[in-house]
Amino acid sequence: MSSPSICLPPWDPASGWTRAPSRCRPPPEREDKDVNRTEKQEQVSDLRARFEGAKSCFLVDFKGLTVTQDTELRNKLRDVSVDYRVVKNRLAKLALEDTDLALLDDHFVGPTAVALTAEDPAAVAKVLVDFAKDHKALEIKAGVLEGGTTLTSEQVKALSELPSLPQLHAQLVGLLQGPARQLATVLAEPGRQLARLLDARRKSLEESV
C-alpha cells in the first residue's frame, strides 16, 4: 500500500504561527518512482539514438567473461569503430520500436550486449568470431545489417570470413588496373612497330650510302 501524500497544516501548533498554505508533497516512495521512470525514459532515448545511428548491430551473450576478457573485447571492438554496451532487454526492446533493428527483438533474452557500427560489418563480425574462438564464454546471438537483413550466429561467422572493405577496395582497384594496363599495351604496340620499321629503314639508308 502506497504512503499518503504529506501535507503540512496551515497552522503550526508548536509556534502558534499561521503557515502560508502549501501544496501537498508526494510521499518519498512516489518521488523515487518518478525519478526511476525519468531515468528509464532517458536510457531508452539514448539507446534509440544509438540504434538509429547504426547501420549494423550484433547481439552477444557475455555471461562468463571475466572483467579482463570483457575489457579486451571492448578494446578490440573500439579499434573497428564499434559502440559496445551491455543493455537491459526490456529497455532495449522499447528503444528498438519502429527502427530497422526491431528485427532483433526476439533475441533480447538473457544477458545481452550490443555491438553497433556505422562502418564495416564484416570487420565487426571478424572481431566477435575470432574472440569467441578463444573465449568460449562469448556467445554470438544474431545480427542485422543495413536494409534489414537478419543474420543467425552461423551467418555472422560466414560474414566474418569475407574480405574487409579496404581489402575489397584494393581488389577492385587491381581488377580495374589490370585491363587498363592491357589496353594501354595494345594501343601502344602499333606505335612501337612503326618506330621499329622507321629505325630499320634509317639503318638501311645509312648502309647504302
N, C-alpha and C. Protein backbone atom coordinates (compact mmCIF):
# COMPACT_ATOMS: atom_id res chain seq x y z
N MET A 1 0.85 -1.19 0.00
CA MET A 1 0.00 0.00 0.00
C MET A 1 0.88 1.24 0.00
N SER A 2 0.63 2.19 -0.89
CA SER A 2 1.47 3.37 -1.00
C SER A 2 1.19 4.34 0.12
N SER A 3 2.20 5.13 0.48
CA SER A 3 2.07 6.10 1.56
C SER A 3 1.22 7.27 1.10
N PRO A 4 0.44 7.87 2.02
CA PRO A 4 -0.38 9.02 1.63
C PRO A 4 0.49 10.23 1.38
N SER A 5 -0.06 11.20 0.67
CA SER A 5 0.68 12.43 0.41
C SER A 5 0.94 13.16 1.72
N ILE A 6 2.08 13.84 1.79
CA ILE A 6 2.47 14.56 3.00
C ILE A 6 2.04 16.01 2.85
N CYS A 7 1.09 16.46 3.70
CA CYS A 7 0.59 17.83 3.63
C CYS A 7 0.84 18.52 4.97
N LEU A 8 1.36 19.72 4.94
CA LEU A 8 1.61 20.48 6.15
C LEU A 8 0.37 21.33 6.48
N PRO A 9 -0.08 21.31 7.74
CA PRO A 9 -1.27 22.11 8.10
C PRO A 9 -0.96 23.60 8.01
N PRO A 10 -1.98 24.43 7.77
CA PRO A 10 -1.75 25.88 7.65
C PRO A 10 -1.38 26.54 8.97
N TRP A 11 -1.59 25.83 10.12
CA TRP A 11 -1.27 26.43 11.42
C TRP A 11 -0.29 25.53 12.14
N ASP A 12 0.79 26.10 12.66
CA ASP A 12 1.82 25.35 13.36
C ASP A 12 1.53 25.41 14.85
N PRO A 13 1.07 24.29 15.45
CA PRO A 13 0.71 24.30 16.88
C PRO A 13 1.91 24.54 17.79
N ALA A 14 3.12 24.24 17.33
CA ALA A 14 4.30 24.40 18.19
C ALA A 14 4.63 25.87 18.41
N SER A 15 4.50 26.67 17.34
CA SER A 15 4.87 28.08 17.45
C SER A 15 3.67 29.00 17.56
N GLY A 16 2.52 28.50 17.19
CA GLY A 16 1.33 29.34 17.22
C GLY A 16 1.21 30.24 16.01
N TRP A 17 2.19 30.13 15.08
CA TRP A 17 2.14 30.97 13.88
C TRP A 17 1.31 30.30 12.79
N THR A 18 0.70 31.12 12.00
CA THR A 18 -0.06 30.60 10.86
C THR A 18 0.88 30.46 9.67
N ARG A 19 0.90 29.28 9.11
CA ARG A 19 1.79 28.99 7.97
C ARG A 19 1.03 29.24 6.67
N ALA A 20 1.74 29.79 5.69
CA ALA A 20 1.11 30.02 4.39
C ALA A 20 0.71 28.68 3.78
N PRO A 21 -0.44 28.64 3.13
CA PRO A 21 -0.88 27.38 2.51
C PRO A 21 0.16 26.86 1.53
N SER A 22 0.39 25.57 1.55
CA SER A 22 1.37 24.97 0.64
C SER A 22 0.77 23.73 -0.01
N ARG A 23 1.31 23.40 -1.16
CA ARG A 23 0.84 22.21 -1.87
C ARG A 23 1.34 20.96 -1.17
N CYS A 24 0.58 19.91 -1.27
CA CYS A 24 0.98 18.65 -0.66
C CYS A 24 2.21 18.10 -1.37
N ARG A 25 3.14 17.59 -0.60
CA ARG A 25 4.35 17.00 -1.16
C ARG A 25 4.12 15.50 -1.31
N PRO A 26 4.44 14.92 -2.48
CA PRO A 26 4.24 13.48 -2.66
C PRO A 26 5.12 12.69 -1.71
N PRO A 27 4.68 11.53 -1.31
CA PRO A 27 5.48 10.70 -0.40
C PRO A 27 6.79 10.29 -1.04
N PRO A 28 7.82 9.95 -0.22
CA PRO A 28 9.14 9.57 -0.75
C PRO A 28 9.06 8.43 -1.76
N GLU A 29 8.19 7.46 -1.54
CA GLU A 29 8.09 6.32 -2.45
C GLU A 29 7.70 6.79 -3.84
N ARG A 30 6.75 7.71 -3.91
CA ARG A 30 6.30 8.20 -5.21
C ARG A 30 7.40 9.01 -5.88
N GLU A 31 8.16 9.78 -5.08
CA GLU A 31 9.26 10.55 -5.64
C GLU A 31 10.29 9.61 -6.27
N ASP A 32 10.61 8.51 -5.58
CA ASP A 32 11.58 7.55 -6.11
C ASP A 32 11.09 6.94 -7.42
N LYS A 33 9.79 6.63 -7.47
CA LYS A 33 9.25 6.04 -8.69
C LYS A 33 9.32 7.02 -9.85
N ASP A 34 9.05 8.30 -9.56
CA ASP A 34 9.12 9.31 -10.62
C ASP A 34 10.54 9.45 -11.14
N VAL A 35 11.52 9.41 -10.23
CA VAL A 35 12.93 9.51 -10.63
C VAL A 35 13.32 8.32 -11.48
N ASN A 36 12.92 7.11 -11.04
CA ASN A 36 13.25 5.90 -11.80
C ASN A 36 12.62 5.94 -13.18
N ARG A 37 11.38 6.42 -13.27
CA ARG A 37 10.70 6.49 -14.56
C ARG A 37 11.42 7.46 -15.49
N THR A 38 11.86 8.58 -14.94
CA THR A 38 12.58 9.57 -15.75
C THR A 38 13.91 9.01 -16.24
N GLU A 39 14.62 8.32 -15.35
CA GLU A 39 15.91 7.73 -15.73
C GLU A 39 15.73 6.69 -16.83
N LYS A 40 14.69 5.87 -16.73
CA LYS A 40 14.45 4.85 -17.74
C LYS A 40 14.11 5.49 -19.09
N GLN A 41 13.31 6.55 -19.05
CA GLN A 41 12.97 7.24 -20.29
C GLN A 41 14.22 7.82 -20.95
N GLU A 42 15.12 8.34 -20.14
CA GLU A 42 16.37 8.89 -20.67
C GLU A 42 17.23 7.78 -21.27
N GLN A 43 17.27 6.63 -20.60
CA GLN A 43 18.05 5.50 -21.10
C GLN A 43 17.49 5.00 -22.43
N VAL A 44 16.17 4.92 -22.53
CA VAL A 44 15.54 4.47 -23.77
C VAL A 44 15.83 5.46 -24.90
N SER A 45 15.74 6.74 -24.61
CA SER A 45 16.02 7.77 -25.62
C SER A 45 17.46 7.69 -26.10
N ASP A 46 18.38 7.47 -25.16
CA ASP A 46 19.80 7.36 -25.51
C ASP A 46 20.05 6.14 -26.38
N LEU A 47 19.44 5.00 -26.00
CA LEU A 47 19.61 3.78 -26.79
C LEU A 47 19.02 3.94 -28.19
N ARG A 48 17.84 4.57 -28.27
CA ARG A 48 17.20 4.76 -29.57
C ARG A 48 18.11 5.58 -30.50
N ALA A 49 18.70 6.62 -29.96
CA ALA A 49 19.59 7.46 -30.77
C ALA A 49 20.78 6.64 -31.27
N ARG A 50 21.31 5.77 -30.43
CA ARG A 50 22.44 4.93 -30.83
C ARG A 50 22.01 3.91 -31.88
N PHE A 51 20.84 3.30 -31.69
CA PHE A 51 20.33 2.33 -32.66
C PHE A 51 20.09 2.99 -34.02
N GLU A 52 19.49 4.17 -34.00
CA GLU A 52 19.18 4.86 -35.25
C GLU A 52 20.44 5.32 -35.98
N GLY A 53 21.53 5.53 -35.24
CA GLY A 53 22.77 5.96 -35.86
C GLY A 53 23.62 4.81 -36.37
N ALA A 54 23.20 3.58 -36.11
CA ALA A 54 23.97 2.40 -36.52
C ALA A 54 23.43 1.82 -37.83
N LYS A 55 24.33 1.29 -38.64
CA LYS A 55 23.93 0.62 -39.87
C LYS A 55 23.87 -0.90 -39.66
N SER A 56 24.60 -1.38 -38.67
CA SER A 56 24.61 -2.81 -38.37
C SER A 56 24.63 -3.00 -36.85
N CYS A 57 24.07 -4.12 -36.42
CA CYS A 57 24.03 -4.41 -34.98
C CYS A 57 24.22 -5.91 -34.77
N PHE A 58 25.01 -6.25 -33.76
CA PHE A 58 25.24 -7.65 -33.41
C PHE A 58 24.94 -7.82 -31.92
N LEU A 59 24.29 -8.93 -31.58
CA LEU A 59 23.96 -9.22 -30.19
C LEU A 59 24.82 -10.38 -29.70
N VAL A 60 25.33 -10.26 -28.48
CA VAL A 60 26.13 -11.34 -27.90
C VAL A 60 25.71 -11.57 -26.46
N ASP A 61 25.93 -12.80 -26.02
CA ASP A 61 25.75 -13.16 -24.61
C ASP A 61 27.15 -13.20 -24.00
N PHE A 62 27.40 -12.31 -23.06
CA PHE A 62 28.73 -12.14 -22.49
C PHE A 62 28.90 -12.89 -21.18
N LYS A 63 27.87 -13.61 -20.75
CA LYS A 63 27.91 -14.28 -19.45
C LYS A 63 29.10 -15.23 -19.38
N GLY A 64 29.88 -15.12 -18.34
CA GLY A 64 31.04 -15.99 -18.17
C GLY A 64 32.35 -15.32 -18.48
N LEU A 65 32.32 -14.17 -19.16
CA LEU A 65 33.56 -13.45 -19.43
C LEU A 65 34.05 -12.78 -18.14
N THR A 66 35.34 -12.81 -17.93
CA THR A 66 35.91 -12.10 -16.79
C THR A 66 36.00 -10.61 -17.11
N VAL A 67 36.27 -9.82 -16.11
CA VAL A 67 36.40 -8.37 -16.32
C VAL A 67 37.54 -8.09 -17.30
N THR A 68 38.63 -8.82 -17.15
CA THR A 68 39.78 -8.64 -18.04
C THR A 68 39.43 -8.99 -19.48
N GLN A 69 38.71 -10.10 -19.66
CA GLN A 69 38.31 -10.52 -21.00
C GLN A 69 37.33 -9.53 -21.61
N ASP A 70 36.40 -9.04 -20.80
CA ASP A 70 35.43 -8.07 -21.29
C ASP A 70 36.13 -6.79 -21.74
N THR A 71 37.11 -6.35 -20.97
CA THR A 71 37.86 -5.15 -21.34
C THR A 71 38.63 -5.37 -22.64
N GLU A 72 39.20 -6.55 -22.79
CA GLU A 72 39.93 -6.88 -24.02
C GLU A 72 39.00 -6.84 -25.23
N LEU A 73 37.80 -7.40 -25.08
CA LEU A 73 36.83 -7.39 -26.18
C LEU A 73 36.42 -5.96 -26.53
N ARG A 74 36.17 -5.15 -25.52
CA ARG A 74 35.78 -3.76 -25.76
C ARG A 74 36.87 -3.01 -26.54
N ASN A 75 38.12 -3.24 -26.17
CA ASN A 75 39.23 -2.57 -26.85
C ASN A 75 39.33 -2.99 -28.31
N LYS A 76 39.17 -4.29 -28.56
CA LYS A 76 39.23 -4.79 -29.94
C LYS A 76 38.10 -4.21 -30.79
N LEU A 77 36.92 -4.13 -30.21
CA LEU A 77 35.78 -3.58 -30.95
C LEU A 77 35.92 -2.08 -31.16
N ARG A 78 36.50 -1.41 -30.19
CA ARG A 78 36.72 0.04 -30.34
C ARG A 78 37.66 0.32 -31.51
N ASP A 79 38.60 -0.58 -31.75
CA ASP A 79 39.55 -0.40 -32.85
C ASP A 79 38.89 -0.44 -34.22
N VAL A 80 37.69 -1.05 -34.30
CA VAL A 80 36.98 -1.10 -35.59
C VAL A 80 35.71 -0.25 -35.52
N SER A 81 35.74 0.79 -34.69
CA SER A 81 34.67 1.80 -34.62
C SER A 81 33.33 1.21 -34.20
N VAL A 82 33.34 0.46 -33.10
CA VAL A 82 32.11 -0.17 -32.61
C VAL A 82 31.71 0.42 -31.26
N ASP A 83 30.42 0.68 -31.12
CA ASP A 83 29.83 1.11 -29.85
C ASP A 83 29.31 -0.16 -29.17
N TYR A 84 30.03 -0.62 -28.15
CA TYR A 84 29.68 -1.87 -27.47
C TYR A 84 29.20 -1.55 -26.07
N ARG A 85 28.03 -2.10 -25.71
CA ARG A 85 27.49 -1.83 -24.38
C ARG A 85 26.52 -2.93 -23.95
N VAL A 86 26.48 -3.15 -22.64
CA VAL A 86 25.51 -4.09 -22.05
C VAL A 86 24.19 -3.35 -21.91
N VAL A 87 23.09 -4.03 -22.24
CA VAL A 87 21.77 -3.38 -22.19
C VAL A 87 20.79 -4.22 -21.37
N LYS A 88 19.76 -3.54 -20.88
CA LYS A 88 18.63 -4.23 -20.26
C LYS A 88 17.64 -4.57 -21.36
N ASN A 89 17.25 -5.82 -21.43
CA ASN A 89 16.44 -6.29 -22.55
C ASN A 89 15.14 -5.50 -22.72
N ARG A 90 14.46 -5.23 -21.63
CA ARG A 90 13.16 -4.55 -21.74
C ARG A 90 13.33 -3.13 -22.28
N LEU A 91 14.35 -2.43 -21.81
CA LEU A 91 14.59 -1.07 -22.28
C LEU A 91 15.06 -1.09 -23.74
N ALA A 92 15.88 -2.08 -24.08
CA ALA A 92 16.37 -2.18 -25.46
C ALA A 92 15.21 -2.42 -26.43
N LYS A 93 14.27 -3.25 -26.04
CA LYS A 93 13.12 -3.52 -26.91
C LYS A 93 12.29 -2.26 -27.12
N LEU A 94 12.14 -1.47 -26.07
CA LEU A 94 11.41 -0.21 -26.21
C LEU A 94 12.14 0.73 -27.17
N ALA A 95 13.47 0.76 -27.06
CA ALA A 95 14.27 1.64 -27.91
C ALA A 95 14.26 1.19 -29.37
N LEU A 96 14.06 -0.11 -29.60
CA LEU A 96 14.10 -0.66 -30.95
C LEU A 96 12.81 -0.43 -31.74
N GLU A 97 11.75 -0.10 -31.06
CA GLU A 97 10.45 0.02 -31.73
C GLU A 97 10.52 0.99 -32.91
N ASP A 98 9.96 0.54 -34.04
CA ASP A 98 9.88 1.35 -35.26
C ASP A 98 11.25 1.68 -35.85
N THR A 99 12.25 0.84 -35.60
CA THR A 99 13.56 1.01 -36.24
C THR A 99 13.87 -0.25 -37.04
N ASP A 100 14.87 -0.17 -37.92
CA ASP A 100 15.26 -1.34 -38.73
C ASP A 100 15.79 -2.47 -37.85
N LEU A 101 16.29 -2.12 -36.68
CA LEU A 101 16.88 -3.13 -35.80
C LEU A 101 15.83 -3.88 -34.98
N ALA A 102 14.56 -3.51 -35.13
CA ALA A 102 13.49 -4.17 -34.39
C ALA A 102 13.39 -5.65 -34.74
N LEU A 103 14.00 -6.06 -35.85
CA LEU A 103 14.00 -7.46 -36.26
C LEU A 103 14.74 -8.34 -35.24
N LEU A 104 15.53 -7.72 -34.38
CA LEU A 104 16.29 -8.48 -33.38
C LEU A 104 15.53 -8.64 -32.07
N ASP A 105 14.31 -8.16 -32.03
CA ASP A 105 13.54 -8.11 -30.78
C ASP A 105 13.52 -9.45 -30.04
N ASP A 106 13.31 -10.54 -30.75
CA ASP A 106 13.17 -11.86 -30.11
C ASP A 106 14.48 -12.37 -29.51
N HIS A 107 15.59 -11.76 -29.88
CA HIS A 107 16.89 -12.24 -29.40
C HIS A 107 17.34 -11.55 -28.11
N PHE A 108 16.54 -10.61 -27.62
CA PHE A 108 16.90 -9.95 -26.37
C PHE A 108 16.39 -10.80 -25.20
N VAL A 109 17.11 -11.89 -24.96
CA VAL A 109 16.78 -12.83 -23.89
C VAL A 109 18.08 -13.16 -23.16
N GLY A 110 18.03 -13.13 -21.84
CA GLY A 110 19.24 -13.42 -21.07
C GLY A 110 20.22 -12.27 -21.13
N PRO A 111 21.44 -12.47 -20.61
CA PRO A 111 22.45 -11.40 -20.64
C PRO A 111 22.72 -10.97 -22.09
N THR A 112 22.63 -9.68 -22.35
CA THR A 112 22.76 -9.20 -23.73
C THR A 112 23.64 -7.95 -23.80
N ALA A 113 24.55 -7.96 -24.76
CA ALA A 113 25.34 -6.77 -25.08
C ALA A 113 25.17 -6.53 -26.58
N VAL A 114 25.18 -5.26 -26.97
CA VAL A 114 25.03 -4.92 -28.38
C VAL A 114 26.33 -4.32 -28.90
N ALA A 115 26.64 -4.66 -30.15
CA ALA A 115 27.80 -4.09 -30.85
C ALA A 115 27.25 -3.33 -32.05
N LEU A 116 27.29 -2.01 -31.98
CA LEU A 116 26.70 -1.15 -33.01
C LEU A 116 27.80 -0.50 -33.84
N THR A 117 27.59 -0.42 -35.15
CA THR A 117 28.57 0.22 -36.00
C THR A 117 27.92 0.86 -37.21
N ALA A 118 28.52 1.94 -37.67
CA ALA A 118 28.11 2.58 -38.92
C ALA A 118 29.17 2.33 -39.98
N GLU A 119 30.15 1.48 -39.66
CA GLU A 119 31.26 1.21 -40.57
C GLU A 119 31.12 -0.19 -41.18
N ASP A 120 32.22 -0.91 -41.30
CA ASP A 120 32.28 -2.20 -41.99
C ASP A 120 31.76 -3.32 -41.09
N PRO A 121 30.62 -3.94 -41.41
CA PRO A 121 30.08 -5.01 -40.56
C PRO A 121 30.95 -6.27 -40.57
N ALA A 122 31.64 -6.53 -41.68
CA ALA A 122 32.49 -7.72 -41.76
C ALA A 122 33.63 -7.64 -40.75
N ALA A 123 34.16 -6.44 -40.55
CA ALA A 123 35.25 -6.26 -39.59
C ALA A 123 34.76 -6.53 -38.17
N VAL A 124 33.54 -6.10 -37.87
CA VAL A 124 32.96 -6.34 -36.54
C VAL A 124 32.73 -7.83 -36.33
N ALA A 125 32.15 -8.48 -37.34
CA ALA A 125 31.89 -9.92 -37.25
C ALA A 125 33.18 -10.69 -37.02
N LYS A 126 34.25 -10.28 -37.69
CA LYS A 126 35.53 -10.98 -37.55
C LYS A 126 36.06 -10.86 -36.13
N VAL A 127 35.97 -9.67 -35.54
CA VAL A 127 36.43 -9.49 -34.16
C VAL A 127 35.64 -10.39 -33.21
N LEU A 128 34.32 -10.40 -33.36
CA LEU A 128 33.48 -11.20 -32.47
C LEU A 128 33.74 -12.69 -32.63
N VAL A 129 33.81 -13.14 -33.88
CA VAL A 129 34.01 -14.57 -34.14
C VAL A 129 35.38 -15.03 -33.66
N ASP A 130 36.41 -14.26 -33.95
CA ASP A 130 37.77 -14.62 -33.51
C ASP A 130 37.86 -14.64 -31.99
N PHE A 131 37.21 -13.67 -31.34
CA PHE A 131 37.25 -13.61 -29.88
C PHE A 131 36.49 -14.80 -29.29
N ALA A 132 35.37 -15.16 -29.91
CA ALA A 132 34.57 -16.29 -29.42
C ALA A 132 35.33 -17.62 -29.56
N LYS A 133 36.21 -17.71 -30.57
CA LYS A 133 37.00 -18.93 -30.73
C LYS A 133 37.95 -19.13 -29.56
N ASP A 134 38.50 -18.02 -29.08
CA ASP A 134 39.47 -18.09 -27.98
C ASP A 134 38.81 -18.02 -26.60
N HIS A 135 37.56 -17.53 -26.56
CA HIS A 135 36.85 -17.39 -25.29
C HIS A 135 35.44 -17.97 -25.47
N LYS A 136 35.30 -19.23 -25.12
CA LYS A 136 34.05 -19.95 -25.36
C LYS A 136 32.86 -19.35 -24.62
N ALA A 137 33.12 -18.53 -23.61
CA ALA A 137 32.02 -17.94 -22.84
C ALA A 137 31.23 -16.93 -23.66
N LEU A 138 31.86 -16.37 -24.69
CA LEU A 138 31.16 -15.39 -25.53
C LEU A 138 30.30 -16.11 -26.56
N GLU A 139 29.02 -15.82 -26.55
CA GLU A 139 28.09 -16.45 -27.50
C GLU A 139 27.49 -15.39 -28.42
N ILE A 140 27.64 -15.59 -29.71
CA ILE A 140 27.05 -14.67 -30.69
C ILE A 140 25.60 -15.08 -30.92
N LYS A 141 24.68 -14.17 -30.65
CA LYS A 141 23.25 -14.49 -30.78
C LYS A 141 22.74 -14.28 -32.21
N ALA A 142 22.90 -13.07 -32.71
CA ALA A 142 22.34 -12.73 -34.03
C ALA A 142 22.89 -11.38 -34.46
N GLY A 143 22.49 -10.98 -35.66
CA GLY A 143 22.91 -9.67 -36.17
C GLY A 143 21.91 -9.17 -37.19
N VAL A 144 22.00 -7.91 -37.51
CA VAL A 144 21.17 -7.34 -38.56
C VAL A 144 22.01 -6.30 -39.30
N LEU A 145 21.90 -6.33 -40.64
CA LEU A 145 22.67 -5.42 -41.48
C LEU A 145 21.78 -4.30 -42.00
N GLU A 146 22.41 -3.29 -42.54
CA GLU A 146 21.67 -2.16 -43.11
C GLU A 146 20.71 -2.67 -44.18
N GLY A 147 19.48 -2.21 -44.13
CA GLY A 147 18.48 -2.67 -45.07
C GLY A 147 17.57 -3.74 -44.50
N GLY A 148 17.89 -4.22 -43.27
CA GLY A 148 17.01 -5.17 -42.61
C GLY A 148 17.35 -6.63 -42.83
N THR A 149 18.57 -6.94 -43.25
CA THR A 149 18.97 -8.34 -43.42
C THR A 149 19.40 -8.91 -42.07
N THR A 150 18.65 -9.90 -41.58
CA THR A 150 18.98 -10.51 -40.29
C THR A 150 19.96 -11.66 -40.49
N LEU A 151 20.81 -11.87 -39.50
CA LEU A 151 21.82 -12.91 -39.55
C LEU A 151 21.73 -13.81 -38.33
N THR A 152 21.81 -15.11 -38.56
CA THR A 152 21.93 -16.05 -37.46
C THR A 152 23.39 -16.05 -37.00
N SER A 153 23.67 -16.76 -35.93
CA SER A 153 25.05 -16.83 -35.46
C SER A 153 25.96 -17.45 -36.51
N GLU A 154 25.45 -18.45 -37.25
CA GLU A 154 26.25 -19.09 -38.30
C GLU A 154 26.51 -18.12 -39.46
N GLN A 155 25.52 -17.31 -39.77
CA GLN A 155 25.70 -16.34 -40.85
C GLN A 155 26.66 -15.22 -40.45
N VAL A 156 26.68 -14.89 -39.16
CA VAL A 156 27.67 -13.92 -38.67
C VAL A 156 29.07 -14.49 -38.86
N LYS A 157 29.23 -15.79 -38.61
CA LYS A 157 30.53 -16.44 -38.83
C LYS A 157 30.92 -16.39 -40.30
N ALA A 158 29.94 -16.62 -41.19
CA ALA A 158 30.22 -16.57 -42.62
C ALA A 158 30.61 -15.15 -43.03
N LEU A 159 29.95 -14.16 -42.46
CA LEU A 159 30.26 -12.76 -42.76
C LEU A 159 31.69 -12.43 -42.35
N SER A 160 32.14 -13.01 -41.25
CA SER A 160 33.49 -12.72 -40.74
C SER A 160 34.58 -13.20 -41.69
N GLU A 161 34.24 -14.14 -42.57
CA GLU A 161 35.22 -14.69 -43.50
C GLU A 161 35.34 -13.88 -44.79
N LEU A 162 34.45 -12.91 -44.97
CA LEU A 162 34.52 -12.07 -46.16
C LEU A 162 35.64 -11.04 -46.01
N PRO A 163 36.19 -10.58 -47.12
CA PRO A 163 37.23 -9.53 -47.04
C PRO A 163 36.64 -8.26 -46.44
N SER A 164 37.47 -7.51 -45.76
CA SER A 164 37.03 -6.23 -45.22
C SER A 164 36.86 -5.23 -46.37
N LEU A 165 36.24 -4.10 -46.09
CA LEU A 165 36.03 -3.09 -47.13
C LEU A 165 37.35 -2.59 -47.73
N PRO A 166 38.39 -2.32 -46.93
CA PRO A 166 39.67 -1.91 -47.53
C PRO A 166 40.25 -2.99 -48.45
N GLN A 167 40.11 -4.27 -48.05
CA GLN A 167 40.61 -5.35 -48.89
C GLN A 167 39.83 -5.44 -50.20
N LEU A 168 38.49 -5.30 -50.11
CA LEU A 168 37.67 -5.33 -51.32
C LEU A 168 38.03 -4.16 -52.24
N HIS A 169 38.29 -3.01 -51.65
CA HIS A 169 38.65 -1.84 -52.45
C HIS A 169 39.96 -2.09 -53.20
N ALA A 170 40.93 -2.67 -52.50
CA ALA A 170 42.22 -2.96 -53.14
C ALA A 170 42.06 -3.97 -54.27
N GLN A 171 41.21 -4.99 -54.04
CA GLN A 171 40.98 -5.99 -55.08
C GLN A 171 40.30 -5.37 -56.30
N LEU A 172 39.33 -4.48 -56.04
CA LEU A 172 38.62 -3.83 -57.14
C LEU A 172 39.56 -2.96 -57.95
N VAL A 173 40.42 -2.22 -57.27
CA VAL A 173 41.38 -1.37 -57.97
C VAL A 173 42.31 -2.23 -58.83
N GLY A 174 42.72 -3.39 -58.29
CA GLY A 174 43.58 -4.29 -59.05
C GLY A 174 42.90 -4.82 -60.30
N LEU A 175 41.60 -5.16 -60.16
CA LEU A 175 40.86 -5.66 -61.31
C LEU A 175 40.70 -4.58 -62.38
N LEU A 176 40.50 -3.36 -61.94
CA LEU A 176 40.32 -2.27 -62.90
C LEU A 176 41.64 -1.89 -63.57
N GLN A 177 42.72 -1.96 -62.81
CA GLN A 177 44.02 -1.57 -63.35
C GLN A 177 44.55 -2.62 -64.33
N GLY A 178 44.21 -3.90 -64.10
CA GLY A 178 44.70 -4.97 -64.97
C GLY A 178 44.29 -4.76 -66.42
N PRO A 179 42.99 -4.70 -66.73
CA PRO A 179 42.55 -4.45 -68.11
C PRO A 179 43.07 -3.14 -68.66
N ALA A 180 43.20 -2.13 -67.80
CA ALA A 180 43.69 -0.84 -68.28
C ALA A 180 45.13 -0.96 -68.77
N ARG A 181 45.95 -1.71 -68.03
CA ARG A 181 47.34 -1.91 -68.46
C ARG A 181 47.40 -2.68 -69.77
N GLN A 182 46.52 -3.71 -69.88
CA GLN A 182 46.50 -4.50 -71.11
C GLN A 182 46.08 -3.63 -72.30
N LEU A 183 45.07 -2.78 -72.08
CA LEU A 183 44.59 -1.91 -73.15
C LEU A 183 45.69 -0.93 -73.57
N ALA A 184 46.40 -0.39 -72.60
CA ALA A 184 47.48 0.55 -72.92
C ALA A 184 48.57 -0.13 -73.74
N THR A 185 48.85 -1.40 -73.42
CA THR A 185 49.87 -2.14 -74.17
C THR A 185 49.44 -2.35 -75.61
N VAL A 186 48.15 -2.72 -75.80
CA VAL A 186 47.64 -2.95 -77.15
C VAL A 186 47.66 -1.66 -77.97
N LEU A 187 47.24 -0.57 -77.35
CA LEU A 187 47.21 0.70 -78.06
C LEU A 187 48.61 1.19 -78.41
N ALA A 188 49.57 0.89 -77.56
CA ALA A 188 50.93 1.38 -77.79
C ALA A 188 51.70 0.52 -78.79
N GLU A 189 51.25 -0.72 -79.02
CA GLU A 189 52.00 -1.64 -79.87
C GLU A 189 52.15 -1.16 -81.31
N PRO A 190 51.10 -0.65 -81.98
CA PRO A 190 51.29 -0.15 -83.35
C PRO A 190 52.35 0.94 -83.43
N GLY A 191 52.38 1.80 -82.46
CA GLY A 191 53.40 2.85 -82.44
C GLY A 191 54.79 2.28 -82.33
N ARG A 192 54.94 1.24 -81.50
CA ARG A 192 56.25 0.61 -81.37
C ARG A 192 56.68 -0.05 -82.68
N GLN A 193 55.71 -0.72 -83.33
CA GLN A 193 56.02 -1.36 -84.61
C GLN A 193 56.46 -0.34 -85.66
N LEU A 194 55.75 0.79 -85.72
CA LEU A 194 56.10 1.85 -86.67
C LEU A 194 57.49 2.39 -86.37
N ALA A 195 57.78 2.56 -85.08
CA ALA A 195 59.10 3.07 -84.70
C ALA A 195 60.20 2.10 -85.13
N ARG A 196 59.95 0.80 -84.97
CA ARG A 196 60.95 -0.20 -85.37
C ARG A 196 61.15 -0.19 -86.88
N LEU A 197 60.06 -0.05 -87.65
CA LEU A 197 60.16 0.00 -89.10
C LEU A 197 60.95 1.22 -89.56
N LEU A 198 60.67 2.37 -88.95
CA LEU A 198 61.39 3.59 -89.31
C LEU A 198 62.87 3.48 -88.97
N ASP A 199 63.16 2.86 -87.83
CA ASP A 199 64.55 2.71 -87.43
C ASP A 199 65.29 1.78 -88.38
N ALA A 200 64.60 0.69 -88.78
CA ALA A 200 65.21 -0.25 -89.73
C ALA A 200 65.44 0.43 -91.08
N ARG A 201 64.50 1.25 -91.54
CA ARG A 201 64.64 1.96 -92.81
C ARG A 201 65.80 2.95 -92.75
N ARG A 202 65.96 3.62 -91.59
CA ARG A 202 67.05 4.57 -91.44
C ARG A 202 68.39 3.87 -91.54
N LYS A 203 68.52 2.72 -90.87
CA LYS A 203 69.77 1.98 -90.91
C LYS A 203 70.07 1.49 -92.32
N SER A 204 69.00 1.08 -93.04
CA SER A 204 69.19 0.60 -94.41
C SER A 204 69.72 1.71 -95.31
N LEU A 205 69.19 2.91 -95.16
CA LEU A 205 69.63 4.05 -95.96
C LEU A 205 71.07 4.42 -95.63
N GLU A 206 71.44 4.36 -94.36
CA GLU A 206 72.80 4.69 -93.96
C GLU A 206 73.81 3.71 -94.55
N GLU A 207 73.44 2.42 -94.61
CA GLU A 207 74.35 1.41 -95.13
C GLU A 207 74.53 1.53 -96.64
N SER A 208 73.49 2.05 -97.33
CA SER A 208 73.58 2.15 -98.79
C SER A 208 74.37 3.36 -99.24
N VAL A 209 74.65 4.28 -98.34
CA VAL A 209 75.39 5.49 -98.71
C VAL A 209 76.89 5.18 -98.80
